[in-house]
Protein backbone atom coordinates (compact mmCIF):
# COMPACT_ATOMS: atom_id res chain seq x y z
CA MET A 1 27.40 149.58 73.49
CA LYS A 2 30.76 152.10 72.88
CA THR A 3 32.88 153.12 75.67
CA MET A 4 35.45 157.22 75.80
CA LEU A 5 36.90 156.66 79.37
CA ALA A 6 38.19 160.16 80.80
CA LYS A 7 39.76 161.20 84.37
CA ALA A 8 36.45 162.53 86.10
CA THR A 9 34.59 160.58 87.84
CA GLU A 10 31.65 161.82 86.60
CA THR A 11 29.92 159.17 84.56
CA ILE A 12 26.89 160.27 81.61
CA ALA A 13 25.34 157.69 79.79
CA ILE A 14 23.59 158.62 76.17
CA ILE A 15 20.79 156.45 74.64
CA ASP A 16 20.56 156.76 70.94
CA PRO A 17 18.61 154.89 68.82
CA GLU A 18 19.74 155.88 65.26
CA LYS A 19 23.17 156.73 66.37
CA SER A 20 23.66 159.96 64.35
CA TYR A 21 24.82 162.64 67.08
CA SER A 22 25.70 159.87 70.07
CA TYR A 23 29.09 160.00 68.83
CA PHE A 24 29.38 164.36 68.46
CA ILE A 25 28.43 164.90 71.64
CA SER A 26 30.95 162.20 73.14
CA GLN A 27 33.54 163.88 72.22
CA GLU A 28 32.45 167.66 73.46
CA LEU A 29 31.98 165.55 76.61
CA PHE A 30 34.61 163.48 76.52
CA ILE A 31 37.33 167.30 76.32
CA GLU A 32 35.36 168.30 78.99
CA GLY A 33 36.47 165.76 81.34
CA TYR A 34 33.84 163.40 81.68
CA GLU A 35 33.42 159.82 81.37
CA VAL A 36 31.06 158.28 78.26
CA GLU A 37 28.46 155.25 78.40
CA THR A 38 26.48 155.06 74.71
CA PHE A 39 23.43 152.56 74.17
CA SER A 40 21.01 151.42 71.26
CA ASP A 41 18.32 152.06 73.91
CA ALA A 42 16.60 153.22 77.12
CA ILE A 43 16.41 148.91 78.22
CA GLU A 44 19.79 148.80 77.53
CA CYS A 45 20.96 151.65 79.33
CA ASN A 46 18.88 150.72 82.53
CA ARG A 47 20.78 147.35 82.57
CA PHE A 48 24.06 149.63 82.69
CA CYS A 49 22.82 151.37 85.25
CA GLU A 50 22.14 148.86 87.47
CA LYS A 51 25.83 148.20 88.29
CA ASN A 52 27.27 151.54 87.80
CA GLU A 53 27.19 155.24 88.88
CA ILE A 54 25.19 157.51 86.30
CA TYR A 55 24.52 160.80 86.65
CA LEU A 56 23.61 161.98 84.25
CA VAL A 57 21.24 160.32 80.81
CA ILE A 58 21.11 161.70 77.32
CA VAL A 59 18.32 160.82 75.80
CA CYS A 60 18.51 161.72 72.11
CA THR A 61 15.14 160.60 70.50
CA PRO A 62 13.47 160.37 67.56
CA GLN A 63 10.66 162.20 66.53
CA VAL A 64 7.47 161.69 69.47
CA ASN A 65 4.95 160.79 66.87
CA ASP A 66 6.99 157.95 65.61
CA GLU A 67 5.51 154.48 66.15
CA CYS A 68 8.54 153.70 68.20
CA ASP A 69 8.91 150.79 70.68
CA PHE A 70 12.05 152.86 71.68
CA VAL A 71 9.65 156.37 72.94
CA SER A 72 7.38 153.47 75.21
CA SER A 73 10.76 152.08 76.67
CA LEU A 74 11.18 155.63 78.43
CA GLN A 75 9.21 154.96 81.16
CA ILE A 76 11.86 152.80 82.63
CA LEU A 77 13.89 155.74 83.48
CA THR A 78 10.51 157.69 84.13
CA GLU A 79 10.71 155.80 87.10
CA ALA A 80 13.79 157.16 88.49
CA GLU A 81 13.51 158.53 91.79
CA ASN A 82 14.67 162.12 89.39
CA PRO A 83 14.03 163.35 86.70
CA GLU A 84 16.56 165.82 86.58
CA HIS A 85 19.12 162.98 85.83
CA ILE A 86 17.42 162.66 82.42
CA LEU A 87 18.34 165.43 79.44
CA ILE A 88 15.97 165.44 76.39
CA LEU A 89 17.53 165.79 72.44
CA THR A 90 14.95 166.05 70.15
CA ASP A 91 14.54 167.33 66.43
CA SER A 92 12.05 169.94 67.23
CA ILE A 93 11.15 171.28 70.14
CA SER A 94 6.66 173.05 70.11
CA GLU A 95 3.85 172.90 72.50
CA ASP A 96 3.02 169.46 71.97
CA VAL A 97 6.67 167.74 72.35
CA LEU A 98 6.56 169.51 75.76
CA LYS A 99 3.54 168.16 76.81
CA TYR A 100 4.31 164.67 75.93
CA TYR A 101 6.90 164.79 77.98
CA HIS A 102 6.39 166.06 80.83
CA GLY A 103 3.54 164.47 80.85
CA LEU A 104 6.39 161.38 81.09
CA GLY A 105 7.85 163.26 84.04
CA LEU A 106 10.47 165.02 82.01
CA HIS A 107 11.15 168.16 81.90
CA HIS A 108 14.99 168.65 80.70
CA VAL A 109 14.18 169.23 77.39
CA MET A 110 16.17 171.12 73.96
CA ARG A 111 16.81 170.82 70.35
CA ARG A 112 20.06 169.12 68.86
CA GLN A 113 20.83 172.37 66.57
CA ASP A 114 20.66 174.50 70.14
CA ASP A 115 24.60 176.06 70.32
CA ILE A 116 27.02 173.25 71.51
CA ASN A 117 28.44 175.49 74.53
CA LEU A 118 24.26 175.38 75.64
CA PHE A 119 24.02 171.94 75.82
CA LYS A 120 27.32 171.69 77.50
CA ARG A 121 26.36 173.98 80.48
CA MET A 122 23.20 172.55 80.60
CA VAL A 123 24.57 169.27 81.37
CA TYR A 124 27.34 170.84 83.45
CA LYS A 125 23.94 172.50 85.17
CA LEU A 126 22.21 169.54 85.93
CA ILE A 127 25.18 166.84 86.90
CA ASN A 128 26.10 169.53 89.40
CA THR A 129 22.47 170.27 90.77
CA VAL A 130 22.16 166.29 90.84
CA ARG A 131 24.96 165.54 93.18
CA THR A 132 23.81 161.58 93.77
CA PRO A 133 24.31 159.01 91.18
CA PHE A 134 21.19 158.05 88.54
CA LYS A 135 19.20 155.56 90.85
CA LYS A 136 18.67 151.78 89.45
CA PRO A 137 14.69 152.03 89.23
CA ALA A 138 12.31 149.85 91.34
CA PHE A 139 11.70 147.40 88.90
CA SER A 140 14.44 148.05 86.27
CA ASN A 141 13.98 143.83 85.56
CA ILE A 142 10.03 144.09 84.91
CA ILE A 143 8.84 145.54 82.11
CA GLY A 144 5.06 146.08 81.46
CA GLU A 145 2.54 149.23 81.09
CA ASP A 146 -1.13 148.19 81.25
CA ASN A 147 -2.54 149.15 84.66
CA SER A 148 -2.56 145.44 85.56
CA ILE A 149 0.66 145.17 86.24
CA LYS A 150 1.21 148.77 87.32
CA GLU A 151 -0.85 147.43 90.29
CA VAL A 152 1.39 144.58 90.70
CA PHE A 153 4.39 147.39 90.74
CA HIS A 154 2.46 149.89 93.73
CA MET A 155 1.85 146.87 96.14
CA VAL A 156 5.70 145.55 95.33
CA GLU A 157 6.19 149.12 96.61
CA ARG A 158 4.30 148.60 99.74
CA ILE A 159 5.28 144.96 100.75
CA SER A 160 8.64 146.12 100.22
CA GLN A 161 8.37 148.47 103.38
CA SER A 162 7.48 146.20 105.56
CA GLU A 163 10.57 144.36 106.13
CA MET A 164 9.33 140.97 107.17
CA ALA A 165 5.89 140.45 106.54
CA THR A 166 5.20 137.23 104.01
CA VAL A 167 4.46 137.22 100.94
CA PHE A 168 2.49 134.83 98.98
CA ILE A 169 2.30 135.00 94.59
CA ARG A 170 0.08 133.84 93.07
CA GLY A 171 0.61 133.50 89.30
CA GLU A 172 0.39 131.38 85.79
CA SER A 173 3.34 129.31 85.41
CA GLY A 174 5.78 132.24 83.39
CA THR A 175 4.30 134.83 84.27
CA GLY A 176 7.81 135.96 86.83
CA LYS A 177 7.14 134.85 89.87
CA GLU A 178 10.35 134.94 91.11
CA LEU A 179 11.31 138.55 89.38
CA ILE A 180 8.25 140.05 91.75
CA ALA A 181 10.40 138.68 94.54
CA ARG A 182 13.28 139.58 94.55
CA ALA A 183 11.81 143.07 93.14
CA ILE A 184 10.99 143.09 96.98
CA HIS A 185 13.86 142.20 98.23
CA GLU A 186 16.09 144.03 96.74
CA ASN A 187 14.10 146.89 96.81
CA SER A 188 13.41 146.58 100.79
CA ARG A 189 15.49 147.71 104.43
CA ASN A 190 18.04 144.12 103.57
CA ALA A 191 18.10 144.03 100.04
CA ASN A 192 22.52 143.41 101.47
CA GLN A 193 21.16 140.15 103.25
CA PRO A 194 21.37 137.41 101.14
CA PHE A 195 18.46 136.16 99.32
CA VAL A 196 17.56 132.30 99.40
CA GLU A 197 15.69 130.44 96.78
CA ILE A 198 14.72 126.83 96.36
CA ASN A 199 12.04 125.08 94.16
CA CYS A 200 9.82 122.64 96.20
CA ALA A 201 9.41 121.17 92.59
CA ALA A 202 12.33 120.33 91.61
CA LEU A 203 13.54 118.00 94.48
CA PRO A 204 12.88 114.31 95.71
CA ASP A 205 11.77 114.52 98.92
CA HIS A 206 14.27 113.27 100.85
CA LEU A 207 16.77 115.59 99.37
CA LEU A 208 14.21 118.38 99.57
CA GLU A 209 13.93 118.02 103.30
CA SER A 210 17.98 118.25 103.88
CA GLU A 211 18.38 121.58 101.41
CA LEU A 212 15.57 123.03 103.80
CA PHE A 213 16.29 121.96 106.83
CA GLY A 214 20.67 121.00 106.73
CA TYR A 215 21.67 117.79 108.41
CA GLU A 216 24.85 116.88 110.86
CA LYS A 217 27.41 114.87 109.91
CA GLY A 218 26.05 111.14 110.63
CA ALA A 219 22.67 112.15 110.10
CA PHE A 220 22.13 109.49 106.91
CA THR A 221 25.03 106.85 105.20
CA ASP A 222 26.38 109.76 103.18
CA ALA A 223 26.60 112.89 105.56
CA LYS A 224 30.52 112.91 105.89
CA HIS A 225 30.21 116.58 107.47
CA THR A 226 27.56 119.05 108.76
CA LYS A 227 25.59 121.12 106.12
CA LYS A 228 23.62 124.31 106.89
CA GLY A 229 20.20 124.74 105.36
CA LEU A 230 18.86 127.05 103.14
CA LEU A 231 17.38 127.84 106.48
CA GLU A 232 19.50 128.82 107.97
CA LEU A 233 21.02 130.81 105.64
CA ALA A 234 18.72 132.88 105.07
CA ASP A 235 19.16 134.51 108.64
CA GLN A 236 17.99 138.40 108.50
CA GLY A 237 17.15 138.17 104.55
CA THR A 238 14.59 136.68 102.18
CA PHE A 239 13.36 132.96 102.29
CA PHE A 240 11.30 132.16 99.20
CA LEU A 241 9.69 128.99 98.52
CA ASP A 242 9.05 128.52 94.37
CA GLU A 243 6.22 126.08 93.70
CA ILE A 244 5.05 125.71 97.15
CA GLY A 245 2.14 124.30 96.30
CA ASP A 246 4.30 120.93 95.47
CA LEU A 247 5.75 120.29 99.04
CA ASN A 248 4.07 117.20 100.27
CA VAL A 249 2.57 117.68 103.30
CA ARG A 250 4.49 115.62 106.12
CA LEU A 251 7.11 118.49 105.00
CA GLN A 252 4.51 120.78 105.05
CA ILE A 253 3.68 120.51 108.32
CA LYS A 254 7.82 120.78 110.13
CA LEU A 255 7.78 123.67 107.30
CA VAL A 256 4.93 125.25 109.06
CA LYS A 257 5.84 124.76 112.79
CA ALA A 258 9.59 126.51 111.79
CA LEU A 259 8.00 129.59 110.53
CA GLU A 260 5.91 129.87 113.14
CA GLU A 261 7.96 129.64 116.31
CA LYS A 262 11.58 131.09 113.97
CA VAL A 263 13.01 127.45 115.22
CA PHE A 264 13.74 124.35 114.05
CA ARG A 265 16.21 121.24 113.44
CA ARG A 266 19.01 120.05 111.23
CA VAL A 267 18.09 116.28 110.29
CA GLY A 268 19.48 114.06 112.94
CA GLY A 269 19.94 117.49 115.07
CA THR A 270 19.00 117.38 118.90
CA ARG A 271 20.15 121.27 119.05
CA ASP A 272 17.81 124.02 118.11
CA ILE A 273 19.14 126.61 115.48
CA ASN A 274 17.20 130.06 116.29
CA VAL A 275 16.15 132.27 112.85
CA SER A 276 14.83 135.70 110.94
CA MET A 277 14.34 136.37 107.00
CA ARG A 278 10.59 137.50 105.30
CA ILE A 279 9.40 134.43 103.72
CA MET A 280 7.73 134.88 100.47
CA ALA A 281 6.26 131.64 98.20
CA ALA A 282 4.63 131.59 94.71
CA THR A 283 2.71 128.67 93.13
CA ASN A 284 0.58 128.25 89.91
CA ARG A 285 -1.60 125.88 91.35
CA ASP A 286 -4.76 126.92 93.10
CA VAL A 287 -4.53 125.95 96.38
CA GLU A 288 -7.62 126.71 97.99
CA LYS A 289 -8.55 123.44 96.79
CA ALA A 290 -5.83 121.77 97.31
CA VAL A 291 -6.64 123.15 101.70
CA GLN A 292 -9.70 121.92 100.00
CA GLU A 293 -8.78 118.47 99.48
CA GLY A 294 -6.09 117.83 101.92
CA PHE A 295 -3.25 118.89 100.05
CA PHE A 296 -2.25 120.92 101.89
CA ARG A 297 -2.02 122.02 105.06
CA GLU A 298 -4.43 124.85 106.27
CA ASP A 299 -2.53 126.31 108.21
CA LEU A 300 0.44 126.23 106.56
CA TYR A 301 -1.59 128.71 103.71
CA PHE A 302 -2.71 130.34 106.20
CA ARG A 303 0.64 131.12 107.61
CA LEU A 304 1.78 132.08 104.72
CA ASN A 305 -1.48 134.31 103.13
CA VAL A 306 -0.50 137.04 104.53
CA LEU A 307 0.31 139.92 102.05
CA SER A 308 -1.00 138.42 98.74
CA ILE A 309 -0.18 139.16 95.05
CA HIS A 310 -1.64 137.78 91.87
CA ILE A 311 0.36 138.54 88.41
CA PRO A 312 -1.69 138.73 85.85
CA PRO A 313 -1.21 136.61 83.05
CA LEU A 314 0.98 137.85 80.00
CA ARG A 315 -2.26 137.76 77.20
CA GLU A 316 -4.54 140.57 80.11
CA ARG A 317 -1.95 143.02 79.52
CA GLY A 318 -2.22 144.30 76.94
CA ARG A 319 0.12 145.69 74.60
CA ASP A 320 2.95 144.82 77.20
CA VAL A 321 3.59 142.03 75.15
CA LEU A 322 5.30 144.03 72.50
CA LEU A 323 7.02 145.71 75.39
CA ILE A 324 8.54 142.62 76.48
CA ALA A 325 9.17 141.68 73.40
CA ASP A 326 11.25 144.50 72.11
CA HIS A 327 13.18 144.16 75.14
CA PHE A 328 14.50 140.39 74.84
CA ARG A 329 14.67 141.73 71.00
CA ASN A 330 17.82 143.58 71.93
CA GLN A 331 18.98 141.23 74.99
CA PHE A 332 19.73 138.33 71.96
CA ASN A 333 20.73 140.54 69.26
CA GLU A 334 23.23 141.58 71.65
CA GLU A 335 23.59 137.89 73.34
CA HIS A 336 24.45 136.64 69.28
CA SER A 337 25.69 139.55 67.80
CA CYS A 338 21.98 139.60 65.30
CA ALA A 339 20.83 142.86 64.38
CA MET A 340 17.16 142.04 64.00
CA SER A 341 15.43 146.13 64.03
CA GLY A 342 12.13 145.46 64.99
CA PHE A 343 9.08 143.76 64.04
CA SER A 344 6.80 143.65 60.95
CA THR A 345 3.26 144.57 61.26
CA ASP A 346 1.90 141.50 60.62
CA ALA A 347 4.60 140.14 63.41
CA LYS A 348 3.23 142.29 65.60
CA LYS A 349 -0.19 141.65 65.56
CA LEU A 350 0.51 137.62 66.23
CA LEU A 351 1.62 138.58 68.85
CA GLN A 352 -1.03 140.34 70.24
CA LYS A 353 -3.29 137.26 68.96
CA TYR A 354 -1.68 134.54 70.08
CA PRO A 355 -2.74 133.64 74.13
CA TRP A 356 0.36 133.22 75.42
CA PRO A 357 0.32 130.27 78.05
CA GLY A 358 3.33 130.04 78.52
CA ASN A 359 3.75 133.02 79.64
CA VAL A 360 6.58 135.44 79.43
CA ARG A 361 8.72 132.86 79.65
CA GLU A 362 7.47 131.87 75.92
CA LEU A 363 7.80 134.95 75.01
CA LYS A 364 11.36 135.18 75.50
CA ASN A 365 11.85 131.42 73.82
CA ALA A 366 10.24 132.49 71.31
CA ILE A 367 11.65 135.56 70.06
CA GLU A 368 15.62 134.54 70.82
CA ARG A 369 14.11 131.21 67.63
CA ALA A 370 13.15 134.65 65.54
CA VAL A 371 16.24 136.79 66.65
CA LEU A 372 18.55 133.86 65.52
CA LEU A 373 16.42 132.61 62.61
CA GLY A 374 16.53 135.75 60.89
CA GLN A 375 19.57 137.39 61.87
CA LYS A 376 18.59 141.24 60.59
CA GLY A 377 15.86 142.54 59.53
CA LYS A 378 12.62 142.82 60.85
CA ILE A 379 10.78 139.64 62.16
CA SER A 380 8.34 138.37 60.99
CA PRO A 381 5.47 135.60 61.64
CA ALA A 382 7.00 133.32 59.94
CA GLN A 383 10.17 133.36 62.04
CA LEU A 384 8.02 133.64 65.32
CA ASP A 385 6.26 130.18 64.36
CA LEU A 386 3.80 130.65 66.69
CA GLY A 387 0.59 129.95 63.55
CA ARG A 388 0.65 126.40 64.67
CA ARG A 389 0.31 126.88 67.34
CA ASN A 390 -1.79 129.46 67.88
CA GLY A 391 -4.70 126.67 66.36
CA SER A 392 -5.21 128.56 63.31
CA ASN A 393 -3.56 126.61 60.53
CA GLY A 394 -3.04 122.72 62.28
CA PHE A 395 -4.15 120.96 65.57
CA HIS A 396 -5.47 122.89 68.59
CA LEU A 397 -6.96 121.42 71.71
CA GLN A 398 -8.97 123.69 73.74
CA GLN A 399 -10.30 122.25 77.54
CA ASN A 400 -13.01 123.37 79.22
CA GLU A 401 -14.83 121.51 82.56
CA ASN A 402 -14.85 117.92 81.75
CA ASP A 403 -14.21 117.84 77.69
CA ILE A 404 -11.17 119.02 75.08
CA ALA A 405 -12.35 120.58 72.10
CA VAL A 406 -10.47 119.15 69.39
CA ASN A 407 -9.66 120.87 66.03
CA ILE A 408 -7.65 119.12 62.85
CA PRO A 409 -6.52 120.01 60.49
CA GLU A 410 -8.57 119.15 56.28
CA GLY A 411 -4.85 117.07 55.85
CA GLY A 412 -4.92 114.71 59.12
CA ILE A 413 -2.28 114.70 61.36
CA SER A 414 -0.19 111.93 62.92
CA LEU A 415 -0.89 110.82 66.68
CA GLU A 416 2.22 110.55 67.30
CA ALA A 417 3.31 113.99 65.80
CA VAL A 418 0.49 115.24 68.65
CA GLU A 419 1.84 113.00 71.85
CA ARG A 420 5.57 114.99 70.59
CA ALA A 421 4.26 118.37 70.58
CA LEU A 422 1.94 118.14 74.00
CA LEU A 423 5.41 116.40 75.68
CA GLN A 424 7.52 119.38 73.98
CA LYS A 425 4.52 122.08 75.73
CA SER A 426 4.18 120.87 78.58
CA LEU A 427 8.13 120.70 79.30
CA GLU A 428 8.00 124.30 78.15
CA MET A 429 5.88 125.32 80.93
CA ALA A 430 7.28 123.16 83.44
CA ALA A 431 9.80 124.56 82.72
CA GLY A 432 12.12 121.36 82.30
CA ASN A 433 11.01 119.97 85.40
CA LYS A 434 9.22 116.65 84.74
CA SER A 435 7.61 116.34 87.88
CA LYS A 436 5.96 119.02 86.86
CA ALA A 437 5.11 117.73 83.65
CA ALA A 438 4.06 114.76 84.67
CA ARG A 439 1.16 116.74 86.44
CA LEU A 440 -0.03 118.66 83.93
CA LEU A 441 -0.18 115.62 81.45
CA HIS A 442 -1.78 113.78 84.16
CA LEU A 443 1.24 111.10 84.40
CA THR A 444 3.02 109.69 86.56
CA ARG A 445 6.71 111.17 86.64
CA GLU A 446 8.31 107.58 85.38
CA THR A 447 5.45 106.97 82.54
CA LEU A 448 6.25 110.80 81.22
CA ARG A 449 10.18 109.63 81.06
CA TYR A 450 9.31 106.29 79.35
CA ARG A 451 7.39 108.38 76.79
CA LEU A 452 10.13 110.76 76.82
CA ARG A 453 12.97 108.08 75.73
CA LYS A 454 10.53 106.99 73.11
CA PHE A 455 10.15 109.70 71.18
CA GLY A 456 14.30 110.39 71.63
CA LEU A 457 13.15 114.40 73.90
CA GLU A 458 14.98 112.75 76.97
């Protein structure tokens, strides 16, 4: 990203994936007294818009019919409140071109070849017609065009308008449950109030209770001073309980009382503390089954399950995998100073074919690895390194109701290598959480740690 500084308060963003035209118009706008920021794609621009006031976005786009991931990413900009903030510069204007952009909600389209003074007048007109900055899209951190994720977006929009309604977010590990929770908070009337979160699977029970409710000085040996709990810190804002399905029954009893009565006491305390906040919880577990088996309290389930959102797994989101992969490619290009220009045709096919058991989190890790391995050029299937994970050329496990189907490559495989791979995969799916990884493998936490030490993974 390059910046040209000027005295004016209005900032204009220019998106030019080919970097062929932005320098020229940046100079012209600078002369007119505007501050100018240039970006290589819409996603990079959007990240800047999240934290800065932009009055106009100028998009120097390739030909509409090009198979270009950049064009698809324009959907991020078109979710803005006012499309008058966006000006398209294209090589040619035909009926089909106009129809395409109008379908995206973009109505200001000019040819690059048009007179520069005509261009300046259009910029002046748009900025002075719309005197408010470009609004950050409601889902700026969530990429997706598939109908399944769009339904989630619609739910988030509706739920955000209800100030204190409790929300239960369901979905597999790595699907982005925390992102959805934050989107609800950031688009609500309480967006300026605290968003406080806790992962119920990340702490042992005694520490979890102290984190939730706080404690009074002298409540236990190491309680040298009074500490506010997260419930207290979230007052008037949002409290997000991630992995709520891992909370033990004793703490469930204490939590449901606090949620229902909106009052609790710190550990070792005698004074009631009143709070008011929106509660959101998330889990990847089958909570209904946990209720039937007695591992999750029914009253807490009913208290949480007021408004429910199900996030679809990545494998059910069609071409979204390519959009998200390209987003991560741009992100890691910037972070690691690399220049991966896209994906080969075979790499795109592999990305869409792979089942992504770790969902978006696994995709993110795969793209970062590919960017670091490739440095420049197009990402190849070999750099993605998904073939052996997909079972097409190697060891593959698939569990049915009571049996596990095993595919072993013709050349055989080391049992220790399989065990090591399973340990690594469980840690990846659990985002490094050893308690959760142990549950995935039906092991105790102590047994998992022993096996991790055995293979030098701890």
